[in-house]
């Protein structure tokens, strides 16, 4: 399950989370973001209890995008204990996205 977040609840949902979080930074006008959204949702089911999936619009929340120096979207940023661990930039089909997430989680020991 993917939770849509904003700048208002970012601190609570991401920085204070009790497990690693993957943030989908996107914009409604972005074609690759529209393709990544359903894949992100589909893949989230495989990581229940291990990785929290959230999405945040860089248009509606530019400060958070700036805080993470988001240059291109879609950009998936993995955060653990309030710090960026890794990022995945651009569209990825489900199988590739899962490989990349698995690699990041194994590096974190999660």
Protein backbone atom coordinates (compact mmCIF):
# COMPACT_ATOMS: atom_id res chain seq x y z
CA UNK A 1 0.00 0.00 0.00
CA UNK A 2 1.25 3.46 -0.93
CA UNK A 3 0.47 6.50 1.23
CA UNK A 4 0.32 9.93 -0.39
CA UNK A 5 2.12 12.42 1.86
CA UNK A 6 2.68 16.18 1.94
CA UNK A 7 5.20 18.58 3.42
CA UNK A 8 2.94 18.82 6.49
CA UNK A 9 3.14 15.14 7.45
CA UNK A 10 6.57 14.39 5.91
CA UNK A 11 8.41 14.54 9.23
CA UNK A 12 6.06 12.07 10.91
CA UNK A 13 5.61 9.70 7.95
CA UNK A 14 9.25 9.57 6.79
CA UNK A 15 11.77 11.01 9.23
CA UNK A 16 10.17 9.43 12.32
CA UNK A 17 9.18 6.13 10.67
CA UNK A 18 10.07 2.93 12.52
CA UNK A 19 11.16 1.18 9.31
CA UNK A 20 12.92 2.24 6.09
CA UNK A 21 10.78 4.37 3.76
CA UNK A 22 10.85 4.62 -0.03
CA UNK A 23 9.52 7.94 -1.35
CA UNK A 24 8.22 8.29 -4.90
CA UNK A 25 8.89 11.92 -5.85
CA UNK A 26 6.58 12.61 -8.82
CA UNK A 27 4.53 15.25 -10.67
CA UNK A 28 1.10 14.85 -12.28
CA UNK A 29 2.37 16.17 -15.64
CA UNK A 30 5.29 13.69 -15.80
CA UNK A 31 4.74 10.82 -18.27
CA UNK A 32 7.31 8.42 -16.75
CA UNK A 33 5.85 9.21 -13.29
CA UNK A 34 2.41 8.13 -14.52
CA UNK A 35 3.96 4.86 -15.70
CA UNK A 36 5.92 4.35 -12.45
CA UNK A 37 2.95 5.00 -10.14
CA UNK A 38 1.05 1.73 -10.76
CA UNK A 39 4.30 -0.29 -10.70
CA UNK A 40 5.27 1.34 -7.37
CA UNK A 41 1.83 0.41 -5.99
CA UNK A 42 2.09 -3.18 -7.27
CA UNK A 43 5.59 -3.73 -5.88
CA UNK A 44 4.67 -2.25 -2.46
CA UNK A 45 2.68 -5.39 -1.59
CA UNK A 46 5.87 -7.49 -1.67
CA UNK A 47 7.55 -5.41 1.04
CA UNK A 48 4.79 -5.10 3.63
CA UNK A 49 6.31 -4.82 7.10
CA UNK A 50 9.84 -4.32 5.69
CA UNK A 51 9.62 -1.07 3.73
CA UNK A 52 7.09 1.75 3.88
CA UNK A 53 5.97 3.12 0.48
CA UNK A 54 4.95 6.78 0.18
CA UNK A 55 4.58 9.24 -2.68
CA UNK A 56 5.03 12.99 -2.68
CA UNK A 57 4.26 15.54 -5.41
CA UNK A 58 7.25 17.80 -6.08
CA UNK A 59 4.85 20.37 -7.55
CA UNK A 60 2.75 20.61 -4.40
CA UNK A 61 5.72 20.21 -2.02
CA UNK A 62 8.76 21.85 -3.65
CA UNK A 63 10.60 22.36 -0.34
CA UNK A 64 10.80 18.62 0.30
CA UNK A 65 11.98 18.03 -3.27
CA UNK A 66 14.65 20.69 -2.74
CA UNK A 67 15.64 19.16 0.61
CA UNK A 68 16.49 15.93 -1.25
CA UNK A 69 18.01 17.72 -4.28
CA UNK A 70 15.55 16.06 -6.67
CA UNK A 71 16.81 16.85 -10.19
CA UNK A 72 14.72 14.44 -12.28
CA UNK A 73 11.50 12.53 -11.74
CA UNK A 74 10.36 9.93 -11.08
CA UNK A 75 12.91 9.63 -8.32
CA UNK A 76 12.57 7.00 -5.60
CA UNK A 77 14.53 7.83 -2.45
CA UNK A 78 15.09 5.29 0.33
CA UNK A 79 15.33 6.82 3.81
CA UNK A 80 16.31 5.00 7.00
CA UNK A 81 16.35 6.68 10.40
CA UNK A 82 15.87 10.08 8.75
CA UNK A 83 18.83 9.76 6.36
CA UNK A 84 18.91 9.05 2.62
CA UNK A 85 20.36 5.59 1.97
CA UNK A 86 19.98 5.34 -1.80
CA UNK A 87 17.89 6.48 -4.76
CA UNK A 88 16.47 5.05 -7.97
CA UNK A 89 15.98 7.56 -10.78
CA UNK A 90 13.72 7.15 -13.81
CA UNK A 91 11.07 4.62 -14.75
CA UNK A 92 11.69 0.98 -13.84
CA UNK A 93 9.43 -1.99 -14.67
CA UNK A 94 8.37 -4.13 -11.68
CA UNK A 95 11.04 -6.83 -11.99
CA UNK A 96 13.90 -4.30 -12.27
CA UNK A 97 12.46 -2.14 -9.49
CA UNK A 98 12.26 -5.15 -7.16
CA UNK A 99 15.88 -6.09 -7.95
CA UNK A 100 17.02 -2.56 -7.12
CA UNK A 101 14.97 -2.41 -3.90
CA UNK A 102 16.24 -5.86 -2.83
CA UNK A 103 19.82 -4.72 -3.42
CA UNK A 104 19.29 -1.56 -1.33
CA UNK A 105 17.63 -3.51 1.48
CA UNK A 106 20.42 -6.10 1.57
CA UNK A 107 23.04 -3.31 1.78
CA UNK A 108 21.10 -1.91 4.78
CA UNK A 109 20.80 -5.34 6.37
CA UNK A 110 16.99 -5.10 6.28
